[in-house]
Amino acid sequence: MAEIKIKTDNLIVEIGNLRALEQKINATNIKCPGVVGGGSSIQQLENIGKMYQTIHTQLAALVLSTVSFMENVYTSYQSSDNKASDGFK
């Protein structure tokens, strides 16, 4: 029986796209502006800046985790494909 081929080309392309996105996110430097003055409006603006920083950091972590997961899926597919083909030789 012939080797079972799983088409993983698109998976590799998307992993590459996610890596590019990860690099773009990491290249962006997010800093909260300095706060001058007081009042509730200023504090709310400062909180928005801090939340944006947190979202930026968490998005970078999410993309990194997704890349890692997708690479593991690709490796698993390749391993399973090789085992299946070895069993039919």
N, C-alpha and C. Protein backbone atom coordinates (compact mmCIF):
# COMPACT_ATOMS: atom_id res chain seq x y z
N MET A 1 0.85 -1.18 0.00
CA MET A 1 0.00 0.00 0.00
C MET A 1 0.89 1.24 0.00
N ALA A 2 0.45 2.25 -0.66
CA ALA A 2 1.23 3.49 -0.80
C ALA A 2 1.23 4.29 0.50
N GLU A 3 2.21 5.15 0.59
CA GLU A 3 2.32 6.03 1.76
C GLU A 3 1.14 7.01 1.79
N ILE A 4 0.61 7.21 2.98
CA ILE A 4 -0.50 8.16 3.14
C ILE A 4 0.10 9.56 3.21
N LYS A 5 -0.34 10.42 2.35
CA LYS A 5 0.18 11.79 2.31
C LYS A 5 -0.85 12.75 2.88
N ILE A 6 -0.48 13.44 3.92
CA ILE A 6 -1.33 14.49 4.47
C ILE A 6 -0.78 15.80 3.96
N LYS A 7 -1.63 16.60 3.35
CA LYS A 7 -1.18 17.87 2.79
C LYS A 7 -1.01 18.89 3.91
N THR A 8 0.23 19.13 4.24
CA THR A 8 0.52 20.05 5.34
C THR A 8 1.15 21.35 4.83
N ASP A 9 1.13 21.52 3.51
CA ASP A 9 1.74 22.72 2.94
C ASP A 9 1.06 23.99 3.45
N ASN A 10 -0.27 23.98 3.49
CA ASN A 10 -0.98 25.17 3.98
C ASN A 10 -0.70 25.42 5.44
N LEU A 11 -0.55 24.36 6.21
CA LEU A 11 -0.22 24.50 7.63
C LEU A 11 1.12 25.20 7.80
N ILE A 12 2.10 24.81 7.01
CA ILE A 12 3.42 25.43 7.08
C ILE A 12 3.34 26.91 6.69
N VAL A 13 2.55 27.22 5.68
CA VAL A 13 2.39 28.61 5.24
C VAL A 13 1.79 29.45 6.36
N GLU A 14 0.76 28.92 7.00
CA GLU A 14 0.10 29.67 8.07
C GLU A 14 1.00 29.80 9.30
N ILE A 15 1.81 28.80 9.59
CA ILE A 15 2.78 28.92 10.68
C ILE A 15 3.75 30.05 10.36
N GLY A 16 4.18 30.13 9.13
CA GLY A 16 5.05 31.23 8.71
C GLY A 16 4.38 32.59 8.87
N ASN A 17 3.09 32.66 8.51
CA ASN A 17 2.35 33.91 8.68
C ASN A 17 2.24 34.30 10.15
N LEU A 18 1.99 33.31 11.00
CA LEU A 18 1.91 33.59 12.43
C LEU A 18 3.25 34.04 13.00
N ARG A 19 4.33 33.44 12.51
CA ARG A 19 5.67 33.87 12.95
C ARG A 19 5.93 35.33 12.55
N ALA A 20 5.51 35.69 11.34
CA ALA A 20 5.67 37.08 10.89
C ALA A 20 4.85 38.02 11.76
N LEU A 21 3.64 37.60 12.10
CA LEU A 21 2.80 38.42 12.98
C LEU A 21 3.44 38.56 14.36
N GLU A 22 3.99 37.47 14.86
CA GLU A 22 4.68 37.51 16.16
C GLU A 22 5.85 38.50 16.14
N GLN A 23 6.63 38.47 15.08
CA GLN A 23 7.75 39.40 14.96
C GLN A 23 7.27 40.84 14.88
N LYS A 24 6.19 41.06 14.16
CA LYS A 24 5.63 42.41 14.03
C LYS A 24 5.13 42.92 15.38
N ILE A 25 4.46 42.05 16.13
CA ILE A 25 3.97 42.44 17.45
C ILE A 25 5.13 42.75 18.38
N ASN A 26 6.15 41.89 18.37
CA ASN A 26 7.30 42.10 19.26
C ASN A 26 8.12 43.32 18.88
N ALA A 27 8.07 43.70 17.62
CA ALA A 27 8.82 44.88 17.17
C ALA A 27 8.14 46.18 17.58
N THR A 28 6.85 46.09 17.91
CA THR A 28 6.11 47.28 18.31
C THR A 28 6.33 47.53 19.80
N ASN A 29 6.80 48.71 20.11
CA ASN A 29 7.06 49.06 21.50
C ASN A 29 5.90 49.90 22.02
N ILE A 30 5.22 49.38 23.01
CA ILE A 30 4.05 50.06 23.58
C ILE A 30 4.42 50.62 24.94
N LYS A 31 4.28 51.92 25.11
CA LYS A 31 4.52 52.57 26.39
C LYS A 31 3.36 53.51 26.69
N CYS A 32 2.99 53.53 27.94
CA CYS A 32 1.94 54.46 28.36
C CYS A 32 2.54 55.86 28.41
N PRO A 33 1.79 56.85 27.97
CA PRO A 33 2.29 58.22 28.09
C PRO A 33 2.33 58.65 29.55
N GLY A 34 3.23 59.55 29.84
CA GLY A 34 3.31 60.08 31.20
C GLY A 34 2.06 60.87 31.54
N VAL A 35 1.62 60.73 32.76
CA VAL A 35 0.40 61.40 33.20
C VAL A 35 0.77 62.70 33.88
N VAL A 36 0.12 63.76 33.43
CA VAL A 36 0.32 65.07 34.03
C VAL A 36 -1.04 65.55 34.53
N GLY A 37 -1.09 65.90 35.77
CA GLY A 37 -2.35 66.39 36.32
C GLY A 37 -3.09 65.29 37.03
N GLY A 38 -4.32 65.54 37.31
CA GLY A 38 -5.12 64.57 38.04
C GLY A 38 -6.54 64.60 37.55
N GLY A 39 -7.39 64.04 38.32
CA GLY A 39 -8.79 63.99 37.93
C GLY A 39 -9.15 62.63 37.38
N SER A 40 -10.42 62.36 37.36
CA SER A 40 -10.88 61.04 36.95
C SER A 40 -10.65 60.78 35.46
N SER A 41 -10.76 61.79 34.63
CA SER A 41 -10.55 61.60 33.19
C SER A 41 -9.11 61.19 32.90
N ILE A 42 -8.17 61.85 33.57
CA ILE A 42 -6.75 61.53 33.38
C ILE A 42 -6.47 60.11 33.87
N GLN A 43 -7.03 59.74 34.99
CA GLN A 43 -6.83 58.39 35.52
C GLN A 43 -7.43 57.35 34.59
N GLN A 44 -8.57 57.64 34.01
CA GLN A 44 -9.18 56.70 33.07
C GLN A 44 -8.32 56.55 31.81
N LEU A 45 -7.76 57.65 31.32
CA LEU A 45 -6.86 57.57 30.16
C LEU A 45 -5.62 56.75 30.49
N GLU A 46 -5.09 56.94 31.69
CA GLU A 46 -3.93 56.17 32.11
C GLU A 46 -4.28 54.69 32.19
N ASN A 47 -5.45 54.37 32.71
CA ASN A 47 -5.89 52.97 32.80
C ASN A 47 -6.07 52.36 31.41
N ILE A 48 -6.58 53.14 30.46
CA ILE A 48 -6.72 52.65 29.09
C ILE A 48 -5.35 52.31 28.50
N GLY A 49 -4.37 53.17 28.73
CA GLY A 49 -3.02 52.91 28.25
C GLY A 49 -2.43 51.64 28.85
N LYS A 50 -2.64 51.45 30.14
CA LYS A 50 -2.13 50.24 30.81
C LYS A 50 -2.84 48.99 30.29
N MET A 51 -4.13 49.10 30.06
CA MET A 51 -4.87 47.95 29.53
C MET A 51 -4.40 47.63 28.12
N TYR A 52 -4.11 48.64 27.32
CA TYR A 52 -3.61 48.42 25.97
C TYR A 52 -2.25 47.70 26.02
N GLN A 53 -1.39 48.11 26.95
CA GLN A 53 -0.10 47.44 27.12
C GLN A 53 -0.30 45.97 27.48
N THR A 54 -1.23 45.70 28.38
CA THR A 54 -1.50 44.33 28.80
C THR A 54 -2.03 43.51 27.64
N ILE A 55 -2.95 44.07 26.86
CA ILE A 55 -3.50 43.37 25.70
C ILE A 55 -2.39 43.06 24.70
N HIS A 56 -1.49 44.01 24.48
CA HIS A 56 -0.37 43.82 23.55
C HIS A 56 0.49 42.65 24.00
N THR A 57 0.83 42.61 25.27
CA THR A 57 1.66 41.54 25.82
C THR A 57 0.96 40.19 25.72
N GLN A 58 -0.32 40.16 26.05
CA GLN A 58 -1.07 38.92 26.00
C GLN A 58 -1.28 38.43 24.57
N LEU A 59 -1.44 39.34 23.64
CA LEU A 59 -1.58 38.95 22.23
C LEU A 59 -0.29 38.31 21.73
N ALA A 60 0.85 38.88 22.11
CA ALA A 60 2.13 38.30 21.71
C ALA A 60 2.27 36.88 22.28
N ALA A 61 1.87 36.69 23.53
CA ALA A 61 1.93 35.36 24.14
C ALA A 61 0.98 34.39 23.45
N LEU A 62 -0.20 34.86 23.08
CA LEU A 62 -1.18 34.01 22.39
C LEU A 62 -0.65 33.56 21.03
N VAL A 63 -0.07 34.47 20.28
CA VAL A 63 0.47 34.11 18.96
C VAL A 63 1.62 33.11 19.11
N LEU A 64 2.49 33.33 20.09
CA LEU A 64 3.60 32.41 20.33
C LEU A 64 3.08 31.02 20.69
N SER A 65 2.07 30.95 21.54
CA SER A 65 1.49 29.66 21.93
C SER A 65 0.83 28.98 20.73
N THR A 66 0.17 29.76 19.89
CA THR A 66 -0.48 29.20 18.71
C THR A 66 0.54 28.63 17.74
N VAL A 67 1.64 29.34 17.54
CA VAL A 67 2.72 28.85 16.67
C VAL A 67 3.26 27.54 17.21
N SER A 68 3.51 27.50 18.50
CA SER A 68 4.03 26.28 19.11
C SER A 68 3.06 25.12 18.93
N PHE A 69 1.78 25.37 19.18
CA PHE A 69 0.76 24.33 19.01
C PHE A 69 0.71 23.84 17.56
N MET A 70 0.69 24.76 16.61
CA MET A 70 0.60 24.36 15.21
C MET A 70 1.84 23.60 14.75
N GLU A 71 3.00 23.96 15.27
CA GLU A 71 4.21 23.20 14.94
C GLU A 71 4.13 21.78 15.49
N ASN A 72 3.56 21.64 16.68
CA ASN A 72 3.37 20.30 17.25
C ASN A 72 2.39 19.49 16.43
N VAL A 73 1.32 20.12 15.94
CA VAL A 73 0.36 19.43 15.07
C VAL A 73 1.07 18.97 13.80
N TYR A 74 1.86 19.84 13.20
CA TYR A 74 2.59 19.48 11.98
C TYR A 74 3.52 18.30 12.23
N THR A 75 4.27 18.35 13.33
CA THR A 75 5.19 17.27 13.67
C THR A 75 4.44 15.96 13.90
N SER A 76 3.30 16.06 14.56
CA SER A 76 2.48 14.87 14.80
C SER A 76 1.98 14.26 13.49
N TYR A 77 1.52 15.11 12.58
CA TYR A 77 1.07 14.61 11.28
C TYR A 77 2.20 13.91 10.54
N GLN A 78 3.36 14.54 10.56
CA GLN A 78 4.51 13.95 9.86
C GLN A 78 4.90 12.62 10.48
N SER A 79 4.92 12.57 11.80
CA SER A 79 5.27 11.34 12.50
C SER A 79 4.26 10.23 12.22
N SER A 80 2.98 10.57 12.28
CA SER A 80 1.94 9.58 12.00
C SER A 80 2.01 9.09 10.56
N ASP A 81 2.29 9.98 9.65
CA ASP A 81 2.41 9.61 8.25
C ASP A 81 3.58 8.66 8.04
N ASN A 82 4.69 8.95 8.69
CA ASN A 82 5.86 8.07 8.55
C ASN A 82 5.61 6.70 9.17
N LYS A 83 4.95 6.68 10.34
CA LYS A 83 4.65 5.39 10.98
C LYS A 83 3.69 4.57 10.11
N ALA A 84 2.71 5.23 9.53
CA ALA A 84 1.75 4.52 8.67
C ALA A 84 2.45 3.94 7.46
N SER A 85 3.34 4.69 6.87
CA SER A 85 4.03 4.20 5.67
C SER A 85 5.00 3.08 6.02
N ASP A 86 5.63 3.16 7.21
CA ASP A 86 6.56 2.10 7.62
C ASP A 86 5.82 0.79 7.88
N GLY A 87 4.58 0.88 8.32
CA GLY A 87 3.81 -0.31 8.61
C GLY A 87 3.40 -1.08 7.38
N PHE A 88 3.43 -0.43 6.22
CA PHE A 88 2.99 -1.08 4.99
C PHE A 88 4.14 -1.46 4.08
N LYS A 89 5.36 -1.36 4.56
CA LYS A 89 6.51 -1.71 3.70
C LYS A 89 6.78 -3.18 3.75
